Amino acid sequence: LQVECSGTLDIFKGKILSNLFYEPSTRRAASFDITMKHCGGDVIQVTYVDSSLFLKGATLAHMIRTVACYADRIIVRHPDVGIPQFGAKLSAVSVVDGGDGIGEHPTRALLDVYVIRSKLGTANGCTITILGDLKNGR
């Protein structure tokens, strides 16, 4: 699958996205970053374990509330199941689930459905087989 990018949109002009990642994921962070920039917005990358708030002992709740003061939307990626949903209850801005350990990975699922529909025209009636590390794979 090859993706062609040309030009940018301005639908997120003046908007700021924060990637709040509690575990490493270079491709996922880069995909949210470049998508936001192609749509005219800006991105704040926060790698929690490297942040001064973490070193000072800030809680997850404090971190989400703080980042919500600077961003219009937050992407949360965390190794523990349910953390993005927990963060959404605390945040004054929208929180998007960027992956939560072995839990659901809705952004990945959306991409998978998009690719299937792009290639086959529909995902209806398809039988999908998942191979690989089913416990930890996304």
N, C-alpha and C. Protein backbone atom coordinates (compact mmCIF):
# COMPACT_ATOMS: atom_id res chain seq x y z
N LEU A 1 0.85 -1.18 0.00
CA LEU A 1 0.00 0.00 0.00
C LEU A 1 0.89 1.23 0.00
N GLN A 2 0.65 2.13 -0.91
CA GLN A 2 1.42 3.36 -0.97
C GLN A 2 0.48 4.53 -0.77
N VAL A 3 0.92 5.49 0.03
CA VAL A 3 0.12 6.66 0.31
C VAL A 3 0.78 7.86 -0.36
N GLU A 4 -0.01 8.63 -1.07
CA GLU A 4 0.51 9.83 -1.70
C GLU A 4 0.00 11.04 -0.95
N CYS A 5 0.92 11.93 -0.62
CA CYS A 5 0.56 13.16 0.08
C CYS A 5 0.95 14.33 -0.80
N SER A 6 0.01 15.20 -1.02
CA SER A 6 0.34 16.41 -1.76
C SER A 6 -0.45 17.56 -1.17
N GLY A 7 0.26 18.60 -0.81
CA GLY A 7 -0.39 19.78 -0.27
C GLY A 7 -0.87 19.58 1.16
N THR A 8 -1.53 20.61 1.64
CA THR A 8 -2.08 20.56 3.00
C THR A 8 -3.48 21.15 2.99
N LEU A 9 -4.21 20.85 4.04
CA LEU A 9 -5.53 21.41 4.26
C LEU A 9 -5.42 22.40 5.40
N ASP A 10 -6.46 23.17 5.63
CA ASP A 10 -6.42 24.09 6.77
C ASP A 10 -7.55 23.83 7.76
N ILE A 11 -8.08 22.61 7.76
CA ILE A 11 -9.23 22.32 8.62
C ILE A 11 -8.88 22.35 10.10
N PHE A 12 -7.60 22.19 10.44
CA PHE A 12 -7.19 22.28 11.85
C PHE A 12 -6.30 23.49 12.10
N LYS A 13 -6.39 24.48 11.24
CA LYS A 13 -5.58 25.69 11.40
C LYS A 13 -5.89 26.32 12.76
N GLY A 14 -4.84 26.63 13.50
CA GLY A 14 -4.99 27.22 14.82
C GLY A 14 -5.27 26.22 15.92
N LYS A 15 -5.34 24.93 15.60
CA LYS A 15 -5.62 23.88 16.58
C LYS A 15 -4.31 23.18 16.98
N ILE A 16 -4.28 22.71 18.20
CA ILE A 16 -3.10 22.03 18.72
C ILE A 16 -3.49 20.65 19.22
N LEU A 17 -2.74 19.66 18.77
CA LEU A 17 -2.90 18.28 19.20
C LEU A 17 -1.72 17.94 20.12
N SER A 18 -1.98 17.21 21.19
CA SER A 18 -0.90 16.73 22.02
C SER A 18 -0.86 15.22 21.96
N ASN A 19 0.29 14.68 21.58
CA ASN A 19 0.54 13.25 21.66
C ASN A 19 1.10 12.99 23.05
N LEU A 20 0.29 12.40 23.92
CA LEU A 20 0.71 12.08 25.28
C LEU A 20 0.95 10.58 25.35
N PHE A 21 2.21 10.20 25.18
CA PHE A 21 2.56 8.79 25.06
C PHE A 21 3.31 8.32 26.30
N TYR A 22 2.78 7.27 26.92
CA TYR A 22 3.39 6.67 28.10
C TYR A 22 4.20 5.44 27.74
N GLU A 23 4.29 5.14 26.47
CA GLU A 23 5.13 4.05 25.99
C GLU A 23 5.61 4.42 24.60
N PRO A 24 6.77 3.89 24.20
CA PRO A 24 7.31 4.25 22.89
C PRO A 24 6.46 3.72 21.74
N SER A 25 6.28 4.56 20.73
CA SER A 25 5.58 4.16 19.52
C SER A 25 5.88 5.20 18.44
N THR A 26 7.02 5.06 17.83
CA THR A 26 7.48 6.05 16.87
C THR A 26 6.53 6.20 15.69
N ARG A 27 6.11 5.08 15.10
CA ARG A 27 5.23 5.17 13.92
C ARG A 27 3.88 5.78 14.27
N ARG A 28 3.31 5.39 15.42
CA ARG A 28 2.00 5.93 15.81
C ARG A 28 2.11 7.44 16.07
N ALA A 29 3.14 7.86 16.81
CA ALA A 29 3.31 9.29 17.09
C ALA A 29 3.53 10.06 15.79
N ALA A 30 4.34 9.51 14.91
CA ALA A 30 4.62 10.19 13.64
C ALA A 30 3.36 10.29 12.78
N SER A 31 2.51 9.27 12.80
CA SER A 31 1.31 9.30 11.96
C SER A 31 0.34 10.37 12.44
N PHE A 32 0.15 10.50 13.76
CA PHE A 32 -0.72 11.55 14.28
C PHE A 32 -0.11 12.92 14.01
N ASP A 33 1.21 13.03 14.18
CA ASP A 33 1.92 14.29 13.98
C ASP A 33 1.78 14.78 12.54
N ILE A 34 2.11 13.95 11.59
CA ILE A 34 2.08 14.37 10.19
C ILE A 34 0.66 14.62 9.71
N THR A 35 -0.29 13.84 10.19
CA THR A 35 -1.69 14.06 9.80
C THR A 35 -2.16 15.42 10.27
N MET A 36 -1.86 15.75 11.52
CA MET A 36 -2.26 17.05 12.06
C MET A 36 -1.60 18.19 11.27
N LYS A 37 -0.34 18.04 10.97
CA LYS A 37 0.38 19.09 10.23
C LYS A 37 -0.15 19.23 8.80
N HIS A 38 -0.50 18.11 8.16
CA HIS A 38 -1.07 18.18 6.82
C HIS A 38 -2.45 18.83 6.83
N CYS A 39 -3.09 18.85 7.97
CA CYS A 39 -4.41 19.48 8.10
C CYS A 39 -4.31 20.89 8.68
N GLY A 40 -3.08 21.42 8.77
CA GLY A 40 -2.89 22.81 9.17
C GLY A 40 -2.70 23.06 10.65
N GLY A 41 -2.67 22.02 11.47
CA GLY A 41 -2.53 22.19 12.91
C GLY A 41 -1.11 22.02 13.40
N ASP A 42 -0.94 22.20 14.69
CA ASP A 42 0.36 22.02 15.34
C ASP A 42 0.27 20.88 16.34
N VAL A 43 1.45 20.37 16.74
CA VAL A 43 1.52 19.22 17.63
C VAL A 43 2.50 19.48 18.77
N ILE A 44 2.08 19.07 19.97
CA ILE A 44 2.96 19.05 21.13
C ILE A 44 3.22 17.59 21.44
N GLN A 45 4.48 17.17 21.35
CA GLN A 45 4.84 15.79 21.69
C GLN A 45 5.21 15.74 23.16
N VAL A 46 4.54 14.89 23.92
CA VAL A 46 4.86 14.71 25.34
C VAL A 46 5.14 13.23 25.57
N THR A 47 6.40 12.94 25.83
CA THR A 47 6.77 11.59 26.22
C THR A 47 6.82 11.61 27.73
N TYR A 48 5.81 11.07 28.35
CA TYR A 48 5.59 11.23 29.78
C TYR A 48 6.80 10.86 30.63
N VAL A 49 7.44 9.75 30.34
CA VAL A 49 8.54 9.31 31.20
C VAL A 49 9.74 10.23 31.13
N ASP A 50 9.84 11.06 30.08
CA ASP A 50 10.95 12.00 29.96
C ASP A 50 10.58 13.40 30.47
N SER A 51 9.34 13.60 30.83
CA SER A 51 8.90 14.95 31.20
C SER A 51 9.27 15.29 32.63
N SER A 52 9.42 16.58 32.89
CA SER A 52 9.75 17.03 34.23
C SER A 52 8.60 16.74 35.20
N LEU A 53 7.35 16.75 34.71
CA LEU A 53 6.22 16.44 35.59
C LEU A 53 6.34 15.02 36.13
N PHE A 54 6.75 14.08 35.27
CA PHE A 54 6.94 12.70 35.71
C PHE A 54 8.04 12.62 36.76
N LEU A 55 9.15 13.30 36.49
CA LEU A 55 10.27 13.27 37.42
C LEU A 55 9.91 13.89 38.76
N LYS A 56 8.96 14.80 38.75
CA LYS A 56 8.51 15.45 39.99
C LYS A 56 7.38 14.67 40.66
N GLY A 57 6.96 13.56 40.07
CA GLY A 57 5.96 12.70 40.70
C GLY A 57 4.52 13.03 40.36
N ALA A 58 4.29 13.72 39.25
CA ALA A 58 2.92 14.06 38.86
C ALA A 58 2.12 12.81 38.54
N THR A 59 0.86 12.81 38.89
CA THR A 59 -0.01 11.68 38.60
C THR A 59 -0.49 11.75 37.15
N LEU A 60 -1.04 10.66 36.69
CA LEU A 60 -1.63 10.60 35.35
C LEU A 60 -2.74 11.65 35.23
N ALA A 61 -3.58 11.74 36.24
CA ALA A 61 -4.68 12.71 36.21
C ALA A 61 -4.15 14.13 36.09
N HIS A 62 -3.11 14.45 36.84
CA HIS A 62 -2.53 15.79 36.77
C HIS A 62 -1.95 16.06 35.38
N MET A 63 -1.28 15.08 34.83
CA MET A 63 -0.67 15.25 33.51
C MET A 63 -1.73 15.51 32.45
N ILE A 64 -2.80 14.75 32.46
CA ILE A 64 -3.86 14.93 31.46
C ILE A 64 -4.52 16.30 31.62
N ARG A 65 -4.81 16.69 32.85
CA ARG A 65 -5.42 18.01 33.07
C ARG A 65 -4.49 19.14 32.65
N THR A 66 -3.20 18.98 32.88
CA THR A 66 -2.23 20.01 32.49
C THR A 66 -2.13 20.13 30.98
N VAL A 67 -1.98 19.00 30.30
CA VAL A 67 -1.86 19.01 28.84
C VAL A 67 -3.14 19.56 28.21
N ALA A 68 -4.29 19.28 28.81
CA ALA A 68 -5.57 19.79 28.28
C ALA A 68 -5.63 21.31 28.29
N CYS A 69 -4.83 21.95 29.12
CA CYS A 69 -4.78 23.42 29.14
C CYS A 69 -4.07 23.99 27.92
N TYR A 70 -3.25 23.17 27.26
CA TYR A 70 -2.45 23.64 26.13
C TYR A 70 -2.92 23.14 24.78
N ALA A 71 -3.73 22.11 24.76
CA ALA A 71 -4.09 21.46 23.51
C ALA A 71 -5.60 21.45 23.30
N ASP A 72 -5.99 21.33 22.04
CA ASP A 72 -7.41 21.21 21.69
C ASP A 72 -7.87 19.76 21.67
N ARG A 73 -6.93 18.84 21.59
CA ARG A 73 -7.23 17.41 21.57
C ARG A 73 -5.98 16.68 22.04
N ILE A 74 -6.18 15.55 22.72
CA ILE A 74 -5.06 14.77 23.24
C ILE A 74 -5.16 13.34 22.72
N ILE A 75 -4.04 12.82 22.23
CA ILE A 75 -3.94 11.41 21.89
C ILE A 75 -3.23 10.75 23.07
N VAL A 76 -3.84 9.74 23.68
CA VAL A 76 -3.22 9.05 24.81
C VAL A 76 -2.87 7.63 24.38
N ARG A 77 -1.61 7.28 24.60
CA ARG A 77 -1.14 5.91 24.39
C ARG A 77 -0.51 5.47 25.70
N HIS A 78 -1.02 4.36 26.24
CA HIS A 78 -0.60 3.91 27.57
C HIS A 78 -0.57 2.39 27.61
N PRO A 79 0.36 1.80 28.35
CA PRO A 79 0.42 0.34 28.39
C PRO A 79 -0.71 -0.33 29.16
N ASP A 80 -1.46 0.42 29.97
CA ASP A 80 -2.53 -0.17 30.77
C ASP A 80 -3.89 -0.01 30.09
N VAL A 81 -4.66 -1.07 30.09
CA VAL A 81 -5.99 -1.07 29.49
C VAL A 81 -6.90 -0.06 30.19
N GLY A 82 -7.63 0.72 29.38
CA GLY A 82 -8.63 1.64 29.92
C GLY A 82 -8.14 3.03 30.25
N ILE A 83 -6.85 3.28 30.14
CA ILE A 83 -6.32 4.60 30.52
C ILE A 83 -6.84 5.72 29.61
N PRO A 84 -6.92 5.54 28.28
CA PRO A 84 -7.47 6.63 27.47
C PRO A 84 -8.90 7.00 27.88
N GLN A 85 -9.72 6.01 28.22
CA GLN A 85 -11.09 6.29 28.65
C GLN A 85 -11.09 7.00 30.00
N PHE A 86 -10.21 6.60 30.90
CA PHE A 86 -10.05 7.28 32.18
C PHE A 86 -9.65 8.74 31.95
N GLY A 87 -8.70 8.95 31.05
CA GLY A 87 -8.26 10.31 30.74
C GLY A 87 -9.36 11.17 30.15
N ALA A 88 -10.20 10.56 29.35
CA ALA A 88 -11.31 11.31 28.73
C ALA A 88 -12.27 11.84 29.78
N LYS A 89 -12.44 11.12 30.87
CA LYS A 89 -13.33 11.57 31.94
C LYS A 89 -12.76 12.76 32.69
N LEU A 90 -11.45 12.92 32.67
CA LEU A 90 -10.77 13.99 33.41
C LEU A 90 -10.52 15.24 32.58
N SER A 91 -10.46 15.07 31.28
CA SER A 91 -9.99 16.14 30.41
C SER A 91 -11.10 17.09 29.98
N ALA A 92 -10.72 18.35 29.87
CA ALA A 92 -11.64 19.38 29.36
C ALA A 92 -11.69 19.37 27.83
N VAL A 93 -10.77 18.65 27.19
CA VAL A 93 -10.75 18.54 25.73
C VAL A 93 -10.89 17.07 25.35
N SER A 94 -11.16 16.82 24.08
CA SER A 94 -11.34 15.44 23.60
C SER A 94 -10.06 14.63 23.76
N VAL A 95 -10.23 13.37 24.13
CA VAL A 95 -9.11 12.43 24.25
C VAL A 95 -9.35 11.30 23.26
N VAL A 96 -8.34 11.02 22.45
CA VAL A 96 -8.40 9.96 21.46
C VAL A 96 -7.54 8.80 21.95
N ASP A 97 -8.06 7.59 21.84
CA ASP A 97 -7.35 6.38 22.25
C ASP A 97 -6.30 6.03 21.21
N GLY A 98 -5.04 6.20 21.56
CA GLY A 98 -3.94 5.85 20.66
C GLY A 98 -3.38 4.48 20.94
N GLY A 99 -4.07 3.72 21.78
CA GLY A 99 -3.63 2.37 22.13
C GLY A 99 -3.47 2.23 23.62
N ASP A 100 -3.95 1.11 24.15
CA ASP A 100 -3.85 0.89 25.59
C ASP A 100 -3.50 -0.55 25.90
N GLY A 101 -2.22 -0.85 25.78
CA GLY A 101 -1.74 -2.19 26.08
C GLY A 101 -2.41 -3.23 25.21
N ILE A 102 -2.94 -4.27 25.85
CA ILE A 102 -3.59 -5.33 25.09
C ILE A 102 -5.07 -5.04 24.89
N GLY A 103 -5.51 -3.85 25.27
CA GLY A 103 -6.91 -3.47 25.10
C GLY A 103 -7.21 -3.09 23.67
N GLU A 104 -8.27 -2.37 23.50
CA GLU A 104 -8.71 -1.97 22.17
C GLU A 104 -7.74 -0.97 21.56
N HIS A 105 -7.75 -0.93 20.27
CA HIS A 105 -6.90 0.00 19.55
C HIS A 105 -7.72 0.59 18.41
N PRO A 106 -8.67 1.49 18.75
CA PRO A 106 -9.63 1.95 17.74
C PRO A 106 -9.01 2.68 16.55
N THR A 107 -7.93 3.42 16.76
CA THR A 107 -7.33 4.10 15.61
C THR A 107 -6.76 3.09 14.63
N ARG A 108 -6.22 2.00 15.12
CA ARG A 108 -5.70 0.94 14.25
C ARG A 108 -6.85 0.27 13.51
N ALA A 109 -7.94 0.02 14.22
CA ALA A 109 -9.10 -0.62 13.60
C ALA A 109 -9.67 0.26 12.48
N LEU A 110 -9.72 1.56 12.70
CA LEU A 110 -10.22 2.47 11.66
C LEU A 110 -9.34 2.41 10.42
N LEU A 111 -8.03 2.38 10.63
CA LEU A 111 -7.11 2.30 9.50
C LEU A 111 -7.29 0.98 8.75
N ASP A 112 -7.45 -0.11 9.50
CA ASP A 112 -7.66 -1.42 8.86
C ASP A 112 -8.92 -1.42 7.99
N VAL A 113 -10.02 -0.90 8.52
CA VAL A 113 -11.27 -0.84 7.75
C VAL A 113 -11.10 0.06 6.53
N TYR A 114 -10.39 1.17 6.69
CA TYR A 114 -10.15 2.07 5.55
C TYR A 114 -9.40 1.34 4.43
N VAL A 115 -8.35 0.60 4.79
CA VAL A 115 -7.57 -0.11 3.78
C VAL A 115 -8.42 -1.17 3.09
N ILE A 116 -9.20 -1.92 3.86
CA ILE A 116 -10.06 -2.95 3.27
C ILE A 116 -11.06 -2.31 2.30
N ARG A 117 -11.70 -1.24 2.72
CA ARG A 117 -12.67 -0.57 1.84
C ARG A 117 -12.01 0.03 0.61
N SER A 118 -10.79 0.56 0.77
CA SER A 118 -10.07 1.13 -0.38
C SER A 118 -9.73 0.06 -1.40
N LYS A 119 -9.38 -1.13 -0.93
CA LYS A 119 -8.97 -2.21 -1.82
C LYS A 119 -10.14 -3.01 -2.37
N LEU A 120 -11.17 -3.24 -1.53
CA LEU A 120 -12.27 -4.11 -1.94
C LEU A 120 -13.58 -3.38 -2.21
N GLY A 121 -13.66 -2.12 -1.83
CA GLY A 121 -14.89 -1.36 -2.03
C GLY A 121 -15.85 -1.43 -0.86
N THR A 122 -15.73 -2.46 -0.04
CA THR A 122 -16.58 -2.61 1.14
C THR A 122 -15.90 -3.56 2.11
N ALA A 123 -16.27 -3.42 3.38
CA ALA A 123 -15.80 -4.39 4.38
C ALA A 123 -16.94 -5.33 4.76
N ASN A 124 -18.13 -5.05 4.26
CA ASN A 124 -19.29 -5.89 4.56
C ASN A 124 -19.09 -7.29 3.99
N GLY A 125 -19.40 -8.29 4.77
CA GLY A 125 -19.32 -9.67 4.31
C GLY A 125 -17.93 -10.24 4.27
N CYS A 126 -16.92 -9.47 4.68
CA CYS A 126 -15.54 -9.96 4.65
C CYS A 126 -15.26 -10.84 5.87
N THR A 127 -14.51 -11.88 5.65
CA THR A 127 -13.99 -12.69 6.75
C THR A 127 -12.55 -12.26 6.94
N ILE A 128 -12.22 -11.84 8.14
CA ILE A 128 -10.89 -11.29 8.40
C ILE A 128 -10.13 -12.24 9.31
N THR A 129 -8.90 -12.55 8.92
CA THR A 129 -8.04 -13.41 9.70
C THR A 129 -6.89 -12.57 10.25
N ILE A 130 -6.64 -12.70 11.54
CA ILE A 130 -5.55 -11.97 12.17
C ILE A 130 -4.47 -12.98 12.52
N LEU A 131 -3.25 -12.71 12.06
CA LEU A 131 -2.12 -13.58 12.32
C LEU A 131 -1.09 -12.83 13.15
N GLY A 132 -0.32 -13.56 13.90
CA GLY A 132 0.77 -12.94 14.66
C GLY A 132 0.53 -13.02 16.15
N ASP A 133 1.07 -12.07 16.86
CA ASP A 133 1.01 -12.02 18.31
C ASP A 133 -0.35 -11.48 18.73
N LEU A 134 -1.31 -12.35 18.93
CA LEU A 134 -2.68 -11.93 19.22
C LEU A 134 -2.84 -11.32 20.60
N LYS A 135 -1.97 -11.64 21.52
CA LYS A 135 -2.08 -11.07 22.86
C LYS A 135 -1.56 -9.64 22.90
N ASN A 136 -0.44 -9.40 22.27
CA ASN A 136 0.20 -8.08 22.36
C ASN A 136 0.16 -7.28 21.07
N GLY A 137 -0.22 -7.91 19.98
CA GLY A 137 -0.22 -7.25 18.70
C GLY A 137 -1.35 -6.25 18.59
N ARG A 138 -1.11 -5.27 17.77
CA ARG A 138 -2.14 -4.26 17.56
C ARG A 138 -2.44 -4.23 16.09
